[in-house]
C-alpha atoms as a PDB file:
ATOM      1  CA  MET A   1     -74.660 108.108 -31.661  1.00  0.00           C
ATOM      2  CA  THR A   2     -72.427 105.729 -30.806  1.00  0.00           C
ATOM      3  CA  GLN A   3     -71.809 105.497 -27.337  1.00  0.00           C
ATOM      4  CA  GLN A   4     -67.667 104.738 -26.601  1.00  0.00           C
ATOM      5  CA  VAL A   5     -66.901 101.990 -24.154  1.00  0.00           C
ATOM      6  CA  LYS A   6     -65.232 102.799 -21.728  1.00  0.00           C
ATOM      7  CA  ARG A   7     -61.139 100.598 -21.659  1.00  0.00           C
ATOM      8  CA  GLU A   8     -60.931  98.614 -18.439  1.00  0.00           C
ATOM      9  CA  ARG A   9     -57.771  99.210 -16.886  1.00  0.00           C
ATOM     10  CA  ARG A  10     -55.722  97.173 -15.372  1.00  0.00           C
ATOM     11  CA  SER A  11     -54.312  96.289 -12.075  1.00  0.00           C
ATOM     12  CA  VAL A  12     -50.201  96.270 -12.741  1.00  0.00           C
ATOM     13  CA  SER A  13     -47.079  97.049 -10.709  1.00  0.00           C
ATOM     14  CA  GLY A  14     -43.982  97.620 -11.247  1.00  0.00           C
ATOM     15  CA  ILE A  15     -42.023  99.976 -12.550  1.00  0.00           C
ATOM     16  CA  LEU A  16     -40.480 100.830 -16.028  1.00  0.00           C
ATOM     17  CA  LEU A  17     -37.577 103.035 -17.608  1.00  0.00           C
ATOM     18  CA  LEU A  18     -38.568 104.573 -20.118  1.00  0.00           C
ATOM     19  CA  ASP A  19     -35.662 106.015 -22.207  1.00  0.00           C
ATOM     20  CA  LYS A  20     -37.670 109.780 -23.089  1.00  0.00           C
ATOM     21  CA  PRO A  21     -38.312 111.639 -25.759  1.00  0.00           C
ATOM     22  CA  VAL A  22     -37.932 115.060 -26.762  1.00  0.00           C
ATOM     23  CA  GLY A  23     -41.029 116.772 -26.453  1.00  0.00           C
ATOM     24  CA  PHE A  24     -42.899 114.801 -23.472  1.00  0.00           C
ATOM     25  CA  SER A  25     -43.068 115.705 -19.658  1.00  0.00           C
ATOM     26  CA  SER A  26     -42.733 113.844 -17.518  1.00  0.00           C
ATOM     27  CA  ASN A  27     -46.551 113.684 -16.502  1.00  0.00           C
ATOM     28  CA  GLY A  28     -47.216 113.722 -20.638  1.00  0.00           C
ATOM     29  CA  ALA A  29     -45.035 110.544 -20.964  1.00  0.00           C
ATOM     30  CA  LEU A  30     -46.292 108.873 -18.151  1.00  0.00           C
ATOM     31  CA  GLN A  31     -49.887 108.733 -19.281  1.00  0.00           C
ATOM     32  CA  LYS A  32     -48.824 107.505 -23.046  1.00  0.00           C
ATOM     33  CA  VAL A  33     -46.763 104.094 -21.020  1.00  0.00           C
ATOM     34  CA  ARG A  34     -50.329 104.328 -18.945  1.00  0.00           C
ATOM     35  CA  TRP A  35     -52.168 103.987 -22.104  1.00  0.00           C
ATOM     36  CA  LEU A  36     -50.410 101.584 -23.884  1.00  0.00           C
ATOM     37  CA  LEU A  37     -49.863  99.348 -20.773  1.00  0.00           C
ATOM     38  CA  ASN A  38     -53.497 100.410 -19.910  1.00  0.00           C
ATOM     39  CA  ALA A  39     -52.829 101.005 -16.475  1.00  0.00           C
ATOM     40  CA  GLU A  40     -55.005 102.032 -13.572  1.00  0.00           C
ATOM     41  CA  LYS A  41     -52.615 103.222 -11.738  1.00  0.00           C
ATOM     42  CA  GLY A  42     -48.900 105.341 -12.428  1.00  0.00           C
ATOM     43  CA  GLY A  43     -47.042 107.497 -11.294  1.00  0.00           C
ATOM     44  CA  HIS A  44     -43.399 109.183 -12.153  1.00  0.00           C
ATOM     45  CA  THR A  45     -40.380 109.894 -10.097  1.00  0.00           C
ATOM     46  CA  GLY A  46     -39.534 113.601 -10.609  1.00  0.00           C
ATOM     47  CA  SER A  47     -39.180 116.163 -13.992  1.00  0.00           C
ATOM     48  CA  LEU A  48     -38.054 115.745 -17.016  1.00  0.00           C
ATOM     49  CA  ASP A  49     -37.718 118.823 -19.072  1.00  0.00           C
ATOM     50  CA  PRO A  50     -39.351 118.542 -22.442  1.00  0.00           C
ATOM     51  CA  LEU A  51     -36.224 119.388 -24.355  1.00  0.00           C
ATOM     52  CA  ALA A  52     -34.747 116.042 -22.183  1.00  0.00           C
ATOM     53  CA  THR A  53     -34.459 113.259 -22.735  1.00  0.00           C
ATOM     54  CA  GLY A  54     -33.317 110.034 -21.185  1.00  0.00           C
ATOM     55  CA  VAL A  55     -33.833 107.894 -17.975  1.00  0.00           C
ATOM     56  CA  LEU A  56     -38.163 108.709 -16.848  1.00  0.00           C
ATOM     57  CA  PRO A  57     -38.777 105.195 -13.629  1.00  0.00           C
ATOM     58  CA  LEU A  58     -42.265 105.086 -14.100  1.00  0.00           C
ATOM     59  CA  CYS A  59     -44.025 103.537 -11.446  1.00  0.00           C
ATOM     60  CA  PHE A  60     -47.473 101.804 -11.182  1.00  0.00           C
ATOM     61  CA  GLY A  61     -49.677  99.821  -9.160  1.00  0.00           C
ATOM     62  CA  GLU A  62     -48.503  98.813  -6.229  1.00  0.00           C
ATOM     63  CA  ALA A  63     -44.712 100.773  -7.250  1.00  0.00           C
ATOM     64  CA  THR A  64     -46.113 104.110  -6.929  1.00  0.00           C
ATOM     65  CA  LYS A  65     -45.862 103.940  -3.036  1.00  0.00           C
ATOM     66  CA  PHE A  66     -42.350 104.414  -3.033  1.00  0.00           C
ATOM     67  CA  SER A  67     -41.828 106.452  -6.362  1.00  0.00           C
ATOM     68  CA  ARG A  68     -40.837 109.367  -3.602  1.00  0.00           C
ATOM     69  CA  TYR A  69     -37.798 107.059  -2.549  1.00  0.00           C
ATOM     70  CA  LEU A  70     -37.032 107.331  -6.502  1.00  0.00           C
ATOM     71  CA  LEU A  71     -37.598 111.395  -6.409  1.00  0.00           C
ATOM     72  CA  ASP A  72     -35.021 111.440  -4.078  1.00  0.00           C
ATOM     73  CA  ALA A  73     -32.271 109.633  -5.509  1.00  0.00           C
ATOM     74  CA  ASP A  74     -29.284 110.887  -6.919  1.00  0.00           C
ATOM     75  CA  LYS A  75     -29.099 111.563 -10.841  1.00  0.00           C
ATOM     76  CA  SER A  76     -26.165 112.330 -13.006  1.00  0.00           C
ATOM     77  CA  TYR A  77     -26.610 113.438 -17.145  1.00  0.00           C
ATOM     78  CA  GLU A  78     -24.472 114.507 -20.638  1.00  0.00           C
ATOM     79  CA  ALA A  79     -26.174 117.901 -20.905  1.00  0.00           C
ATOM     80  CA  LEU A  80     -24.349 120.337 -24.102  1.00  0.00           C
ATOM     81  CA  ILE A  81     -24.172 123.989 -23.760  1.00  0.00           C
ATOM     82  CA  ARG A  82     -24.230 126.810 -26.043  1.00  0.00           C
ATOM     83  CA  LEU A  83     -21.905 129.678 -24.832  1.00  0.00           C
ATOM     84  CA  GLY A  84     -22.613 132.959 -25.910  1.00  0.00           C
ATOM     85  CA  VAL A  85     -26.074 133.002 -25.956  1.00  0.00           C
ATOM     86  CA  THR A  86     -28.738 133.397 -22.831  1.00  0.00           C
ATOM     87  CA  THR A  87     -31.788 132.992 -22.699  1.00  0.00           C
ATOM     88  CA  ASP A  88     -35.298 133.620 -20.023  1.00  0.00           C
ATOM     89  CA  THR A  89     -35.662 129.988 -19.625  1.00  0.00           C
ATOM     90  CA  ALA A  90     -32.114 128.698 -20.136  1.00  0.00           C
ATOM     91  CA  ASP A  91     -32.017 126.128 -22.509  1.00  0.00           C
ATOM     92  CA  GLY A  92     -33.203 126.585 -25.939  1.00  0.00           C
ATOM     93  CA  GLU A  93     -35.993 127.052 -26.291  1.00  0.00           C
ATOM     94  CA  GLY A  94     -36.318 130.026 -24.638  1.00  0.00           C
ATOM     95  CA  ARG A  95     -36.266 133.922 -25.905  1.00  0.00           C
ATOM     96  CA  VAL A  96     -32.562 135.054 -26.354  1.00  0.00           C
ATOM     97  CA  LEU A  97     -31.503 138.243 -24.413  1.00  0.00           C
ATOM     98  CA  GLU A  98     -28.291 138.595 -25.123  1.00  0.00           C
ATOM     99  CA  GLN A  99     -25.052 137.649 -27.064  1.00  0.00           C
ATOM    100  CA  LYS A 100     -21.616 138.183 -26.571  1.00  0.00           C
ATOM    101  CA  GLU A 101     -18.370 136.386 -28.622  1.00  0.00           C
ATOM    102  CA  VAL A 102     -17.085 133.369 -27.194  1.00  0.00           C
ATOM    103  CA  GLN A 103     -13.231 132.978 -26.608  1.00  0.00           C
ATOM    104  CA  CYS A 104     -12.776 130.079 -24.564  1.00  0.00           C
ATOM    105  CA  THR A 105     -10.614 127.567 -24.401  1.00  0.00           C
ATOM    106  CA  GLN A 106     -10.641 123.520 -22.830  1.00  0.00           C
ATOM    107  CA  ALA A 107      -8.373 125.059 -19.578  1.00  0.00           C
ATOM    108  CA  ASP A 108     -10.431 128.417 -19.299  1.00  0.00           C
ATOM    109  CA  VAL A 109     -13.179 125.731 -18.769  1.00  0.00           C
ATOM    110  CA  GLU A 110     -11.372 123.602 -16.964  1.00  0.00           C
ATOM    111  CA  ALA A 111     -10.285 126.880 -14.550  1.00  0.00           C
ATOM    112  CA  VAL A 112     -14.048 127.352 -13.615  1.00  0.00           C
ATOM    113  CA  LEU A 113     -15.445 123.619 -13.384  1.00  0.00           C
ATOM    114  CA  PRO A 114     -14.044 123.787  -9.616  1.00  0.00           C
ATOM    115  CA  GLN A 115     -16.054 125.536  -8.849  1.00  0.00           C
ATOM    116  CA  PHE A 116     -19.292 124.265  -8.800  1.00  0.00           C
ATOM    117  CA  ARG A 117     -18.390 120.403  -7.764  1.00  0.00           C
ATOM    118  CA  GLY A 118     -19.401 119.385  -4.050  1.00  0.00           C
ATOM    119  CA  ASP A 119     -22.081 121.405  -1.770  1.00  0.00           C
ATOM    120  CA  ILE A 120     -22.808 124.691  -3.968  1.00  0.00           C
ATOM    121  CA  MET A 121     -26.169 127.178  -3.482  1.00  0.00           C
ATOM    122  CA  GLN A 122     -28.137 127.345  -6.462  1.00  0.00           C
ATOM    123  CA  VAL A 123     -31.061 129.985  -7.280  1.00  0.00           C
ATOM    124  CA  PRO A 124     -33.672 127.811  -9.461  1.00  0.00           C
ATOM    125  CA  PRO A 125     -35.157 128.916 -12.652  1.00  0.00           C
ATOM    126  CA  MET A 126     -37.875 130.850 -12.985  1.00  0.00           C
ATOM    127  CA  TYR A 127     -38.851 128.667 -15.210  1.00  0.00           C
ATOM    128  CA  SER A 128     -39.887 125.513 -13.248  1.00  0.00           C
ATOM    129  CA  ALA A 129     -42.359 124.055 -11.518  1.00  0.00           C
ATOM    130  CA  LEU A 130     -41.665 124.794  -7.930  1.00  0.00           C
ATOM    131  CA  LYS A 131     -44.423 126.621  -6.668  1.00  0.00           C
ATOM    132  CA  LYS A 132     -45.039 130.677  -5.012  1.00  0.00           C
ATOM    133  CA  ASP A 133     -47.841 131.358  -3.200  1.00  0.00           C
ATOM    134  CA  GLY A 134     -49.973 128.405  -5.015  1.00  0.00           C
ATOM    135  CA  GLN A 135     -48.480 129.474  -8.475  1.00  0.00           C
ATOM    136  CA  PRO A 136     -45.678 127.083 -10.645  1.00  0.00           C
ATOM    137  CA  LEU A 137     -43.223 130.020 -11.089  1.00  0.00           C
ATOM    138  CA  TYR A 138     -42.826 128.942 -14.545  1.00  0.00           C
ATOM    139  CA  LYS A 139     -47.094 130.241 -15.105  1.00  0.00           C
ATOM    140  CA  LEU A 140     -45.287 133.063 -13.414  1.00  0.00           C
ATOM    141  CA  ALA A 141     -42.376 133.611 -15.679  1.00  0.00           C
ATOM    142  CA  ARG A 142     -44.583 132.944 -18.852  1.00  0.00           C
ATOM    143  CA  ALA A 143     -46.845 136.199 -17.519  1.00  0.00           C
ATOM    144  CA  GLY A 144     -44.057 138.122 -17.608  1.00  0.00           C
ATOM    145  CA  GLU A 145     -43.765 138.168 -13.316  1.00  0.00           C
ATOM    146  CA  VAL A 146     -40.183 137.642 -12.075  1.00  0.00           C
ATOM    147  CA  VAL A 147     -40.237 136.925  -7.792  1.00  0.00           C
ATOM    148  CA  GLU A 148     -37.787 136.015  -5.937  1.00  0.00           C
ATOM    149  CA  ARG A 149     -35.819 133.250  -4.802  1.00  0.00           C
ATOM    150  CA  LYS A 150     -33.818 132.087  -2.420  1.00  0.00           C
ATOM    151  CA  PRO A 151     -30.997 129.658  -2.554  1.00  0.00           C
ATOM    152  CA  ARG A 152     -30.658 126.123  -2.344  1.00  0.00           C
ATOM    153  CA  PRO A 153     -27.903 123.579  -0.990  1.00  0.00           C
ATOM    154  CA  VAL A 154     -27.580 121.072  -3.628  1.00  0.00           C
ATOM    155  CA  HIS A 155     -24.610 118.362  -4.107  1.00  0.00           C
ATOM    156  CA  ILE A 156     -22.006 118.254  -7.787  1.00  0.00           C
ATOM    157  CA  ALA A 157     -20.442 115.011  -6.999  1.00  0.00           C
ATOM    158  CA  GLU A 158     -19.476 115.073 -10.506  1.00  0.00           C
ATOM    159  CA  LEU A 159     -18.757 117.705 -12.820  1.00  0.00           C
ATOM    160  CA  GLU A 160     -16.283 116.346 -16.231  1.00  0.00           C
ATOM    161  CA  LEU A 161     -15.616 118.824 -19.514  1.00  0.00           C
ATOM    162  CA  LEU A 162     -16.303 115.250 -22.688  1.00  0.00           C
ATOM    163  CA  ASP A 163     -15.682 118.241 -24.555  1.00  0.00           C
ATOM    164  CA  LEU A 164     -15.053 121.872 -26.200  1.00  0.00           C
ATOM    165  CA  GLN A 165     -15.695 122.653 -30.413  1.00  0.00           C
ATOM    166  CA  GLY A 166     -15.790 126.493 -30.471  1.00  0.00           C
ATOM    167  CA  ASP A 167     -18.953 127.462 -28.494  1.00  0.00           C
ATOM    168  CA  LEU A 168     -20.428 123.613 -28.172  1.00  0.00           C
ATOM    169  CA  LEU A 169     -19.442 122.123 -24.889  1.00  0.00           C
ATOM    170  CA  ARG A 170     -20.570 118.959 -23.111  1.00  0.00           C
ATOM    171  CA  VAL A 171     -19.708 118.078 -19.861  1.00  0.00           C
ATOM    172  CA  HIS A 172     -21.086 115.115 -17.675  1.00  0.00           C
ATOM    173  CA  VAL A 173     -23.174 115.827 -14.318  1.00  0.00           C
ATOM    174  CA  ALA A 174     -23.346 113.948 -11.450  1.00  0.00           C
ATOM    175  CA  CYS A 175     -26.039 114.955  -9.075  1.00  0.00           C
ATOM    176  CA  SER A 176     -27.872 115.418  -5.843  1.00  0.00           C
ATOM    177  CA  LYS A 177     -31.761 115.627  -6.609  1.00  0.00           C
ATOM    178  CA  GLY A 178     -33.192 119.067  -6.625  1.00  0.00           C
ATOM    179  CA  THR A 179     -30.212 120.232  -9.170  1.00  0.00           C
ATOM    180  CA  TYR A 180     -31.084 122.000 -11.979  1.00  0.00           C
ATOM    181  CA  ILE A 181     -28.875 121.213 -14.907  1.00  0.00           C
ATOM    182  CA  ARG A 182     -29.872 124.739 -16.607  1.00  0.00           C
ATOM    183  CA  THR A 183     -29.141 126.784 -14.055  1.00  0.00           C
ATOM    184  CA  LEU A 184     -25.510 125.331 -13.751  1.00  0.00           C
ATOM    185  CA  ALA A 185     -25.038 125.711 -17.866  1.00  0.00           C
ATOM    186  CA  GLU A 186     -26.126 129.751 -16.830  1.00  0.00           C
ATOM    187  CA  ASP A 187     -23.250 130.017 -13.810  1.00  0.00           C
ATOM    188  CA  ILE A 188     -20.409 127.907 -16.096  1.00  0.00           C
ATOM    189  CA  GLY A 189     -21.449 130.856 -18.513  1.00  0.00           C
ATOM    190  CA  ASN A 190     -20.875 133.499 -16.082  1.00  0.00           C
ATOM    191  CA  ALA A 191     -18.228 132.411 -14.944  1.00  0.00           C
ATOM    192  CA  LEU A 192     -16.504 132.362 -18.089  1.00  0.00           C
ATOM    193  CA  GLY A 193     -17.737 135.645 -18.777  1.00  0.00           C
ATOM    194  CA  CYS A 194     -20.476 134.710 -21.822  1.00  0.00           C
ATOM    195  CA  GLY A 195     -23.117 133.691 -20.926  1.00  0.00           C
ATOM    196  CA  ALA A 196     -24.604 130.620 -21.362  1.00  0.00           C
ATOM    197  CA  HIS A 197     -28.338 127.639 -22.622  1.00  0.00           C
ATOM    198  CA  VAL A 198     -28.849 123.814 -22.357  1.00  0.00           C
ATOM    199  CA  ALA A 199     -28.661 122.911 -25.886  1.00  0.00           C
ATOM    200  CA  GLU A 200     -29.496 118.920 -25.232  1.00  0.00           C
ATOM    201  CA  LEU A 201     -29.837 117.523 -21.925  1.00  0.00           C
ATOM    202  CA  ARG A 202     -29.549 113.455 -21.715  1.00  0.00           C
ATOM    203  CA  ARG A 203     -30.625 111.951 -18.165  1.00  0.00           C
ATOM    204  CA  THR A 204     -27.879 108.971 -18.070  1.00  0.00           C
ATOM    205  CA  SER A 205     -28.772 107.792 -14.621  1.00  0.00           C
ATOM    206  CA  ALA A 206     -31.486 107.710 -12.208  1.00  0.00           C
ATOM    207  CA  GLY A 207     -30.263 106.171  -8.652  1.00  0.00           C
ATOM    208  CA  PRO A 208     -29.545 103.017  -9.529  1.00  0.00           C
ATOM    209  CA  PHE A 209     -31.065 102.957 -13.017  1.00  0.00           C
ATOM    210  CA  SER A 210     -28.835 103.491 -16.481  1.00  0.00           C
ATOM    211  CA  LEU A 211     -29.947 104.694 -19.810  1.00  0.00           C
ATOM    212  CA  ALA A 212     -29.268 101.055 -20.860  1.00  0.00           C
ATOM    213  CA  GLN A 213     -32.331  98.677 -18.715  1.00  0.00           C
ATOM    214  CA  THR A 214     -34.618 101.548 -20.661  1.00  0.00           C
ATOM    215  CA  VAL A 215     -36.389 101.512 -23.664  1.00  0.00           C
ATOM    216  CA  THR A 216     -37.950 104.140 -26.134  1.00  0.00           C
ATOM    217  CA  LEU A 217     -41.930 104.771 -26.257  1.00  0.00           C
ATOM    218  CA  ASP A 218     -41.687 103.499 -30.143  1.00  0.00           C
ATOM    219  CA  GLU A 219     -40.522 100.184 -29.069  1.00  0.00           C
ATOM    220  CA  LEU A 220     -43.145 100.429 -26.855  1.00  0.00           C
ATOM    221  CA  ILE A 221     -46.485 101.347 -29.078  1.00  0.00           C
ATOM    222  CA  LYS A 222     -44.847  98.963 -31.649  1.00  0.00           C
ATOM    223  CA  LEU A 223     -45.547  96.204 -29.243  1.00  0.00           C
ATOM    224  CA  GLN A 224     -48.872  97.219 -28.368  1.00  0.00           C
ATOM    225  CA  GLU A 225     -48.998  97.657 -31.552  1.00  0.00           C
ATOM    226  CA  GLU A 226     -48.314  93.876 -32.740  1.00  0.00           C
ATOM    227  CA  SER A 227     -48.410  91.400 -28.684  1.00  0.00           C
ATOM    228  CA  GLY A 228     -50.950  94.215 -27.186  1.00  0.00           C
ATOM    229  CA  SER A 229     -51.077  96.119 -23.475  1.00  0.00           C
ATOM    230  CA  GLU A 230     -49.964  92.413 -21.737  1.00  0.00           C
ATOM    231  CA  ALA A 231     -47.068  92.293 -23.683  1.00  0.00           C
ATOM    232  CA  LEU A 232     -45.339  94.790 -22.015  1.00  0.00           C
ATOM    233  CA  ASP A 233     -45.554  93.755 -18.957  1.00  0.00           C
ATOM    234  CA  GLN A 234     -42.011  92.177 -20.173  1.00  0.00           C
ATOM    235  CA  TYR A 235     -40.750  95.937 -19.293  1.00  0.00           C
ATOM    236  CA  LEU A 236     -41.923  95.801 -15.237  1.00  0.00           C
ATOM    237  CA  LEU A 237     -39.588  95.815 -13.371  1.00  0.00           C
ATOM    238  CA  PRO A 238     -40.314  94.051  -9.961  1.00  0.00           C
ATOM    239  CA  THR A 239     -41.777  96.827  -6.965  1.00  0.00           C
ATOM    240  CA  ASP A 240     -38.431  96.954  -4.771  1.00  0.00           C
ATOM    241  CA  ALA A 241     -35.878  97.110  -7.939  1.00  0.00           C
ATOM    242  CA  GLY A 242     -35.258 100.649  -6.897  1.00  0.00           C
ATOM    243  CA  LEU A 243     -34.298  99.305  -3.079  1.00  0.00           C
ATOM    244  CA  LEU A 244     -31.908  96.860  -3.345  1.00  0.00           C
ATOM    245  CA  ASP A 245     -28.950  99.244  -2.171  1.00  0.00           C
ATOM    246  CA  TRP A 246     -30.535  98.758   1.259  1.00  0.00           C
ATOM    247  CA  PRO A 247     -30.520  97.348   4.031  1.00  0.00           C
ATOM    248  CA  LYS A 248     -32.872  94.133   3.959  1.00  0.00           C
ATOM    249  CA  VAL A 249     -34.552  92.380   6.628  1.00  0.00           C
ATOM    250  CA  GLU A 250     -36.321  89.617   6.829  1.00  0.00           C
ATOM    251  CA  LEU A 251     -39.230  88.120   8.795  1.00  0.00           C
ATOM    252  CA  THR A 252     -40.986  85.236  10.519  1.00  0.00           C
ATOM    253  CA  GLU A 253     -44.145  84.171   9.866  1.00  0.00           C
ATOM    254  CA  HIS A 254     -45.236  85.112  13.122  1.00  0.00           C
ATOM    255  CA  THR A 255     -43.969  88.999  13.021  1.00  0.00           C
ATOM    256  CA  ALA A 256     -44.271  89.053   9.283  1.00  0.00           C
ATOM    257  CA  PHE A 257     -48.565  89.277  10.205  1.00  0.00           C
ATOM    258  CA  PHE A 258     -48.217  91.548  12.788  1.00  0.00           C
ATOM    259  CA  TRP A 259     -46.157  94.204  10.855  1.00  0.00           C
ATOM    260  CA  GLN A 260     -48.616  93.947   7.714  1.00  0.00           C
ATOM    261  CA  ASN A 261     -50.968  95.034  11.176  1.00  0.00           C
ATOM    262  CA  GLY A 262     -49.479  98.197  11.499  1.00  0.00           C
ATOM    263  CA  GLN A 263     -47.308  96.949  14.709  1.00  0.00           C
ATOM    264  CA  PRO A 264     -43.529  97.767  15.127  1.00  0.00           C
ATOM    265  CA  VAL A 265     -41.813  94.822  15.237  1.00  0.00           C
ATOM    266  CA  ARG A 266     -38.370  93.315  16.689  1.00  0.00           C
ATOM    267  CA  SER A 267     -35.806  91.167  14.352  1.00  0.00           C
ATOM    268  CA  PRO A 268     -31.774  90.433  14.420  1.00  0.00           C
ATOM    269  CA  SER A 269     -31.143  91.111  11.113  1.00  0.00           C
ATOM    270  CA  ALA A 270     -32.356  95.163  11.743  1.00  0.00           C
ATOM    271  CA  PRO A 271     -30.344  97.386  10.985  1.00  0.00           C
ATOM    272  CA  SER A 272     -29.900  99.701  14.284  1.00  0.00           C
ATOM    273  CA  SER A 273     -31.016 103.310  12.680  1.00  0.00           C
ATOM    274  CA  GLY A 274     -32.795 104.154   8.890  1.00  0.00           C
ATOM    275  CA  LEU A 275     -34.871 102.648   6.613  1.00  0.00           C
ATOM    276  CA  MET A 276     -34.920  99.448   5.001  1.00  0.00           C
ATOM    277  CA  ARG A 277     -36.832  96.995   2.872  1.00  0.00           C
ATOM    278  CA  VAL A 278     -38.977  94.142   3.959  1.00  0.00           C
ATOM    279  CA  TYR A 279     -40.019  90.944   3.432  1.00  0.00           C
ATOM    280  CA  ASN A 280     -41.424  87.862   4.672  1.00  0.00           C
ATOM    281  CA  HIS A 281     -40.721  84.197   5.654  1.00  0.00           C
ATOM    282  CA  LYS A 282     -41.450  83.322   1.806  1.00  0.00           C
ATOM    283  CA  HIS A 283     -38.820  85.681   0.236  1.00  0.00           C
ATOM    284  CA  GLU A 284     -42.144  87.810  -1.048  1.00  0.00           C
ATOM    285  CA  PHE A 285     -41.565  91.822  -0.568  1.00  0.00           C
ATOM    286  CA  ILE A 286     -44.498  93.404   1.684  1.00  0.00           C
ATOM    287  CA  GLY A 287     -42.612  97.321   2.264  1.00  0.00           C
ATOM    288  CA  VAL A 288     -40.385  99.489   3.245  1.00  0.00           C
ATOM    289  CA  ALA A 289     -40.175 100.295   7.494  1.00  0.00           C
ATOM    290  CA  GLU A 290     -37.773 102.765   9.312  1.00  0.00           C
ATOM    291  CA  ILE A 291     -36.009 101.562  12.846  1.00  0.00           C
ATOM    292  CA  ASP A 292     -38.371 103.842  15.540  1.00  0.00           C
ATOM    293  CA  ASP A 293     -37.252 104.600  18.999  1.00  0.00           C
ATOM    294  CA  ASP A 294     -37.806 101.369  20.708  1.00  0.00           C
ATOM    295  CA  GLY A 295     -35.044  99.632  17.957  1.00  0.00           C
ATOM    296  CA  GLN A 296     -38.392  98.365  16.483  1.00  0.00           C
ATOM    297  CA  VAL A 297     -38.893  97.685  13.067  1.00  0.00           C
ATOM    298  CA  ALA A 298     -41.649 100.510  12.129  1.00  0.00           C
ATOM    299  CA  PRO A 299     -44.069  99.922   8.756  1.00  0.00           C
ATOM    300  CA  ARG A 300     -43.115 103.044   7.013  1.00  0.00           C
ATOM    301  CA  ARG A 301     -45.285 102.103   2.946  1.00  0.00           C
ATOM    302  CA  LEU A 302     -47.284  99.073   2.471  1.00  0.00           C
ATOM    303  CA  ILE A 303     -47.820  95.956  -0.055  1.00  0.00           C
ATOM    304  CA  ARG A 304     -51.894  95.845  -0.436  1.00  0.00           C
ATOM    305  CA  SER A 305     -51.830  91.950   0.409  1.00  0.00           C
ATOM    306  CA  GLN A 306     -53.042  89.814  -2.473  1.00  0.00           C
END
């Protein structure tokens, strides 16, 4: 019996912007791309439902240290909402709970949308990755269990009607982290008196990244088959690509040495508070810092020395 030889993984670092295909979980998409890259280490920046497509930043190597900051970033979506049909998952894959006639006009929709803009409270859906006593809610939901979920504050910066054709409503949404578009669709349906669920969902941006910057899984597969894993490195953005809107601090050779050894340092270019990206005297990104109580640039996440 032939023993299978284990692949030796490559040490690669950077951010790959995937246009996630429908049917893949975020982790499933990550593991497929990680295999194609033959990368040692990878992580994604927040779950995108299997039903959803669009911008999914995948972090590899040293970039995984900063994925939490992309997880906290604002997102935008284009959602196709089917009015008149309520499902247990609030999307098209769920069991139909109720059907109602739809007689909504564009004016009706425009009249209810303002109540969902700005700072609102939202009850997370049962079919979500949130946990109750260590168990994901979706597992409890599949077992027929429903638990109380506390409303959580979210921010809807933009909510615009794009189209209304019969019972199909298309909207653009720009929102804060933690916003559930499935819940938003349900709430809009309830406000219209007919119920609703998400039929299609496409994430159009995540933090500073947009759809125009993404690559499809099919394109990655084809290139890997033709030219090998190394050819995919062309799609890796620098490790600091998701932080370019943060304040920038450049340290001297002397202060960078101490900072990279975990010591806070002073820098005349540092902001007065908050997080910042840090570079050494060679203009190389070396990590993330935060101003401490003494006004010094304190290390928070460091890039491993090459």
